[in-house]
C-alpha atoms as a PDB file:
ATOM      1  CA  MET A   1     101.805  95.334 131.354  1.00  0.00           C
ATOM      2  CA  TRP A   2      98.705  97.442 131.287  1.00  0.00           C
ATOM      3  CA  ILE A   3      99.126  98.006 127.632  1.00  0.00           C
ATOM      4  CA  GLU A   4     100.923  94.938 126.451  1.00  0.00           C
ATOM      5  CA  PHE A   5      98.483  92.399 127.895  1.00  0.00           C
ATOM      6  CA  GLY A   6      95.407  94.242 126.612  1.00  0.00           C
ATOM      7  CA  PHE A   7      93.942  95.752 129.732  1.00  0.00           C
ATOM      8  CA  CYS A   8      93.956  99.126 127.918  1.00  0.00           C
ATOM      9  CA  ILE A   9      91.096  98.249 125.633  1.00  0.00           C
ATOM     10  CA  PHE A  10      88.642  98.209 128.492  1.00  0.00           C
ATOM     11  CA  ARG A  11      86.644 101.158 129.722  1.00  0.00           C
ATOM     12  CA  HIS A  12      86.336 100.207 133.316  1.00  0.00           C
ATOM     13  CA  GLU A  13      88.627  98.930 136.029  1.00  0.00           C
ATOM     14  CA  GLU A  14      85.988  96.264 136.728  1.00  0.00           C
ATOM     15  CA  GLU A  15      86.291  94.844 133.315  1.00  0.00           C
ATOM     16  CA  GLU A  16      90.106  95.130 133.624  1.00  0.00           C
ATOM     17  CA  MET A  17      90.015  93.073 136.999  1.00  0.00           C
ATOM     18  CA  ARG A  18      87.596  90.373 135.295  1.00  0.00           C
ATOM     19  CA  PHE A  19      89.952  90.225 132.341  1.00  0.00           C
ATOM     20  CA  GLY A  20      93.001  89.754 134.846  1.00  0.00           C
ATOM     21  CA  GLY A  21      91.113  86.791 136.245  1.00  0.00           C
ATOM     22  CA  LEU A  22      91.285  85.307 132.828  1.00  0.00           C
ATOM     23  CA  TYR A  23      95.022  85.509 132.886  1.00  0.00           C
ATOM     24  CA  ILE A  24      95.164  84.098 136.316  1.00  0.00           C
ATOM     25  CA  ASN A  25      93.005  80.989 135.149  1.00  0.00           C
ATOM     26  CA  LEU A  26      95.405  80.794 132.057  1.00  0.00           C
ATOM     27  CA  LEU A  27      98.424  80.541 134.355  1.00  0.00           C
ATOM     28  CA  ARG A  28      96.650  77.750 136.250  1.00  0.00           C
ATOM     29  CA  ILE A  29      96.289  75.573 133.190  1.00  0.00           C
ATOM     30  CA  CYS A  30      99.555  76.355 131.333  1.00  0.00           C
ATOM     31  CA  SER A  31     103.113  77.210 132.115  1.00  0.00           C
ATOM     32  CA  PHE A  32     104.459  80.690 132.414  1.00  0.00           C
ATOM     33  CA  GLU A  33     106.720  79.792 129.522  1.00  0.00           C
ATOM     34  CA  GLU A  34     103.912  78.975 127.355  1.00  0.00           C
ATOM     35  CA  VAL A  35     102.136  82.229 128.228  1.00  0.00           C
ATOM     36  CA  HIS A  36     105.449  84.202 127.597  1.00  0.00           C
ATOM     37  CA  GLU A  37     105.970  82.457 124.228  1.00  0.00           C
ATOM     38  CA  ALA A  38     102.323  83.308 123.351  1.00  0.00           C
ATOM     39  CA  TYR A  39     103.010  87.001 124.352  1.00  0.00           C
ATOM     40  CA  ARG A  40     106.055  87.117 122.448  1.00  0.00           C
ATOM     41  CA  SER A  41     104.520  85.627 119.340  1.00  0.00           C
ATOM     42  CA  ARG A  42     101.324  87.812 119.467  1.00  0.00           C
ATOM     43  CA  THR A  43      99.314  84.692 119.814  1.00  0.00           C
ATOM     44  CA  LEU A  44      97.831  85.169 123.506  1.00  0.00           C
ATOM     45  CA  PHE A  45      94.257  85.265 122.056  1.00  0.00           C
ATOM     46  CA  THR A  46      94.844  82.013 120.425  1.00  0.00           C
ATOM     47  CA  LEU A  47      96.171  80.511 123.607  1.00  0.00           C
ATOM     48  CA  LEU A  48      93.230  81.781 125.655  1.00  0.00           C
ATOM     49  CA  VAL A  49      90.859  80.303 123.350  1.00  0.00           C
ATOM     50  CA  SER A  50      92.762  76.892 122.965  1.00  0.00           C
ATOM     51  CA  LYS A  51      92.727  76.397 126.753  1.00  0.00           C
ATOM     52  CA  GLY A  52      88.754  76.769 126.736  1.00  0.00           C
ATOM     53  CA  LEU A  53      88.687  80.347 128.095  1.00  0.00           C
ATOM     54  CA  GLU A  54      86.446  81.724 125.294  1.00  0.00           C
ATOM     55  CA  PRO A  55      83.231  81.419 127.385  1.00  0.00           C
ATOM     56  CA  GLU A  56      84.906  83.561 130.117  1.00  0.00           C
ATOM     57  CA  LEU A  57      85.753  86.094 127.487  1.00  0.00           C
ATOM     58  CA  ARG A  58      82.058  86.307 126.395  1.00  0.00           C
ATOM     59  CA  ARG A  59      80.958  86.845 129.920  1.00  0.00           C
ATOM     60  CA  LEU A  60      83.214  89.986 130.007  1.00  0.00           C
ATOM     61  CA  TRP A  61      80.915  91.553 127.436  1.00  0.00           C
ATOM     62  CA  PRO A  62      77.435  89.918 127.470  1.00  0.00           C
ATOM     63  CA  TRP A  63      75.720  92.610 125.440  1.00  0.00           C
ATOM     64  CA  LYS A  64      78.378  92.724 122.581  1.00  0.00           C
ATOM     65  CA  ALA A  65      80.773  89.937 123.016  1.00  0.00           C
ATOM     66  CA  ASP A  66      81.519  89.288 119.370  1.00  0.00           C
ATOM     67  CA  GLN A  67      82.414  92.875 118.537  1.00  0.00           C
ATOM     68  CA  GLU A  68      84.638  93.182 121.747  1.00  0.00           C
ATOM     69  CA  ILE A  69      86.286  89.824 121.436  1.00  0.00           C
ATOM     70  CA  ARG A  70      87.397  90.835 117.804  1.00  0.00           C
ATOM     71  CA  ARG A  71      88.716  93.923 119.108  1.00  0.00           C
ATOM     72  CA  LEU A  72      90.814  92.133 121.870  1.00  0.00           C
ATOM     73  CA  GLN A  73      91.956  89.435 119.308  1.00  0.00           C
ATOM     74  CA  ALA A  74      93.114  92.218 116.815  1.00  0.00           C
ATOM     75  CA  PHE A  75      94.905  94.172 119.661  1.00  0.00           C
ATOM     76  CA  LEU A  76      96.694  91.031 121.102  1.00  0.00           C
ATOM     77  CA  ALA A  77      97.817  90.205 117.483  1.00  0.00           C
ATOM     78  CA  GLU A  78      99.075  93.867 116.664  1.00  0.00           C
ATOM     79  CA  GLU A  79     102.783  94.020 115.782  1.00  0.00           C
ATOM     80  CA  PHE A  80     102.954  97.621 116.505  1.00  0.00           C
ATOM     81  CA  ARG A  81     101.289  99.499 119.428  1.00  0.00           C
ATOM     82  CA  ARG A  82      99.265 102.497 118.484  1.00  0.00           C
ATOM     83  CA  SER A  83     100.135 105.672 120.284  1.00  0.00           C
ATOM     84  CA  VAL A  84      96.605 106.050 121.472  1.00  0.00           C
ATOM     85  CA  TRP A  85      97.086 103.365 124.182  1.00  0.00           C
ATOM     86  CA  ASP A  86      99.939 105.340 125.651  1.00  0.00           C
ATOM     87  CA  LEU A  87      97.714 108.516 125.566  1.00  0.00           C
ATOM     88  CA  LYS A  88      94.969 106.636 127.275  1.00  0.00           C
ATOM     89  CA  HIS A  89      97.407 105.586 130.067  1.00  0.00           C
ATOM     90  CA  PHE A  90      98.765 109.174 130.299  1.00  0.00           C
ATOM     91  CA  VAL A  91      95.489 110.777 130.585  1.00  0.00           C
ATOM     92  CA  LEU A  92      93.830 108.261 132.978  1.00  0.00           C
ATOM     93  CA  TYR A  93      96.616 107.582 135.143  1.00  0.00           C
ATOM     94  CA  GLY A  94      98.921 110.605 134.973  1.00  0.00           C
ATOM     95  CA  ASP A  95     101.939 108.778 134.894  1.00  0.00           C
ATOM     96  CA  GLU A  96     104.762 111.307 134.350  1.00  0.00           C
ATOM     97  CA  LYS A  97     106.982 108.777 132.316  1.00  0.00           C
ATOM     98  CA  TYR A  98     104.416 109.046 129.469  1.00  0.00           C
ATOM     99  CA  GLU A  99     104.729 112.774 129.309  1.00  0.00           C
ATOM    100  CA  GLY A 100     107.916 112.667 127.355  1.00  0.00           C
ATOM    101  CA  ILE A 101     106.748 109.984 124.806  1.00  0.00           C
ATOM    102  CA  PRO A 102     107.107 111.611 121.428  1.00  0.00           C
ATOM    103  CA  ALA A 103     104.179 109.904 120.046  1.00  0.00           C
ATOM    104  CA  ILE A 104     101.652 111.282 122.530  1.00  0.00           C
ATOM    105  CA  TYR A 105     103.518 114.845 122.425  1.00  0.00           C
ATOM    106  CA  VAL A 106     103.309 115.056 118.685  1.00  0.00           C
ATOM    107  CA  ASP A 107     100.190 112.921 117.622  1.00  0.00           C
ATOM    108  CA  TYR A 108      97.639 114.289 120.045  1.00  0.00           C
ATOM    109  CA  GLY A 109      98.775 118.054 120.240  1.00  0.00           C
ATOM    110  CA  PHE A 110     100.561 118.306 123.394  1.00  0.00           C
ATOM    111  CA  MET A 111     103.409 120.069 121.664  1.00  0.00           C
ATOM    112  CA  ASN A 112     100.994 122.917 121.049  1.00  0.00           C
ATOM    113  CA  CYS A 113     100.498 123.540 124.699  1.00  0.00           C
ATOM    114  CA  LYS A 114     101.984 126.713 125.979  1.00  0.00           C
ATOM    115  CA  SER A 115     101.274 126.065 129.827  1.00  0.00           C
ATOM    116  CA  GLN A 116     100.628 123.274 132.297  1.00  0.00           C
ATOM    117  CA  GLU A 117      97.024 124.466 132.415  1.00  0.00           C
ATOM    118  CA  GLU A 118      96.615 123.830 128.651  1.00  0.00           C
ATOM    119  CA  THR A 119      98.325 120.527 128.966  1.00  0.00           C
ATOM    120  CA  GLN A 120      95.837 119.581 131.750  1.00  0.00           C
ATOM    121  CA  GLU A 121      92.915 120.840 129.867  1.00  0.00           C
ATOM    122  CA  LEU A 122      93.962 118.872 126.844  1.00  0.00           C
ATOM    123  CA  LYS A 123      94.397 115.772 128.908  1.00  0.00           C
ATOM    124  CA  ASP A 124      90.708 116.283 130.470  1.00  0.00           C
ATOM    125  CA  VAL A 125      89.227 116.546 127.064  1.00  0.00           C
ATOM    126  CA  TYR A 126      90.939 113.138 125.975  1.00  0.00           C
ATOM    127  CA  LYS A 127      89.943 111.526 129.160  1.00  0.00           C
ATOM    128  CA  THR A 128      86.425 112.605 128.638  1.00  0.00           C
ATOM    129  CA  TYR A 129      86.487 111.198 125.187  1.00  0.00           C
ATOM    130  CA  LEU A 130      88.111 107.912 126.250  1.00  0.00           C
ATOM    131  CA  LEU A 131      85.703 107.149 129.158  1.00  0.00           C
ATOM    132  CA  LYS A 132      82.585 107.808 127.059  1.00  0.00           C
ATOM    133  CA  GLY A 133      80.742 104.712 126.157  1.00  0.00           C
ATOM    134  CA  ASP A 134      80.385 105.397 122.419  1.00  0.00           C
ATOM    135  CA  THR A 135      83.844 106.061 121.477  1.00  0.00           C
ATOM    136  CA  ASP A 136      86.611 103.880 120.377  1.00  0.00           C
ATOM    137  CA  PRO A 137      90.347 104.745 120.981  1.00  0.00           C
ATOM    138  CA  VAL A 138      91.243 103.238 117.640  1.00  0.00           C
ATOM    139  CA  ASP A 139      89.096 105.833 116.071  1.00  0.00           C
ATOM    140  CA  LEU A 140      90.828 108.538 117.737  1.00  0.00           C
ATOM    141  CA  HIS A 141      94.220 107.255 116.716  1.00  0.00           C
ATOM    142  CA  ASN A 142      92.877 106.937 113.035  1.00  0.00           C
ATOM    143  CA  ALA A 143      91.662 110.673 113.311  1.00  0.00           C
ATOM    144  CA  ALA A 144      95.140 111.653 114.645  1.00  0.00           C
ATOM    145  CA  ILE A 145      97.096 110.034 111.610  1.00  0.00           C
ATOM    146  CA  LYS A 146      94.702 111.846 109.329  1.00  0.00           C
ATOM    147  CA  GLY A 147      95.239 115.227 111.038  1.00  0.00           C
ATOM    148  CA  LYS A 148      91.537 115.339 112.058  1.00  0.00           C
ATOM    149  CA  ILE A 149      91.637 115.142 115.849  1.00  0.00           C
ATOM    150  CA  PHE A 150      89.500 118.055 116.646  1.00  0.00           C
ATOM    151  CA  GLU A 151      86.771 117.246 114.011  1.00  0.00           C
ATOM    152  CA  HIS A 152      86.535 113.659 115.542  1.00  0.00           C
ATOM    153  CA  VAL A 153      86.597 114.539 119.166  1.00  0.00           C
ATOM    154  CA  ALA A 154      83.989 117.389 118.690  1.00  0.00           C
ATOM    155  CA  LYS A 155      81.514 114.660 117.515  1.00  0.00           C
ATOM    156  CA  PHE A 156      81.653 113.215 121.074  1.00  0.00           C
ATOM    157  CA  VAL A 157      82.734 115.865 123.442  1.00  0.00           C
ATOM    158  CA  LYS A 158      81.656 119.604 123.514  1.00  0.00           C
ATOM    159  CA  LEU A 159      84.793 121.639 122.686  1.00  0.00           C
ATOM    160  CA  ARG A 160      85.901 125.148 122.817  1.00  0.00           C
ATOM    161  CA  LYS A 161      87.170 126.692 119.638  1.00  0.00           C
ATOM    162  CA  ARG A 162      90.492 127.100 121.273  1.00  0.00           C
ATOM    163  CA  PHE A 163      91.136 123.301 121.292  1.00  0.00           C
ATOM    164  CA  LYS A 164      91.336 123.357 117.449  1.00  0.00           C
ATOM    165  CA  LYS A 165      94.685 125.104 117.803  1.00  0.00           C
ATOM    166  CA  LEU A 166      95.841 122.571 120.308  1.00  0.00           C
ATOM    167  CA  MET A 167      94.876 119.465 118.592  1.00  0.00           C
ATOM    168  CA  VAL A 168      96.902 120.131 115.574  1.00  0.00           C
ATOM    169  CA  ASN A 169      99.570 117.708 114.571  1.00  0.00           C
ATOM    170  CA  PRO A 170     101.916 117.299 111.451  1.00  0.00           C
ATOM    171  CA  TYR A 171      99.680 114.585 109.842  1.00  0.00           C
ATOM    172  CA  PRO A 172      98.909 113.505 107.274  1.00  0.00           C
ATOM    173  CA  LEU A 173     102.508 113.264 106.153  1.00  0.00           C
END
């Protein structure tokens, strides 16, 4: 649910909690079936706005509401989930079920790790990147599909040269 309902786009738990409050308010003013149908049809954002919750959305990001609202709107409407959101869950929460997801393993270079230590170091680099205030997970995803992870991440995180070998993937195809 963390990914499916858009909590993954936030940088901090505090933002996630406030966003969760929006869903609570939404469930107070419409039925579960209505929310479920909006989720299924990828129109959750439209439902939030139609029920008058846009001002609450804007309060989540008082300093850059328009930009972040567009990002949330785009995310909730996406038909296919980008692998970067699974990566974010994996590196932030260490959920072992994510370790075997091929998209993470291949897209972000974990297939190149020869030890648990290397895997942990690569996770730590991605965690540092994802928690920085001036990065965007979608930009990381775009770099991955271009085969340019190291070059992109190095703009934001000081990397040792050995990460260049780890951050290799088979892209672009």
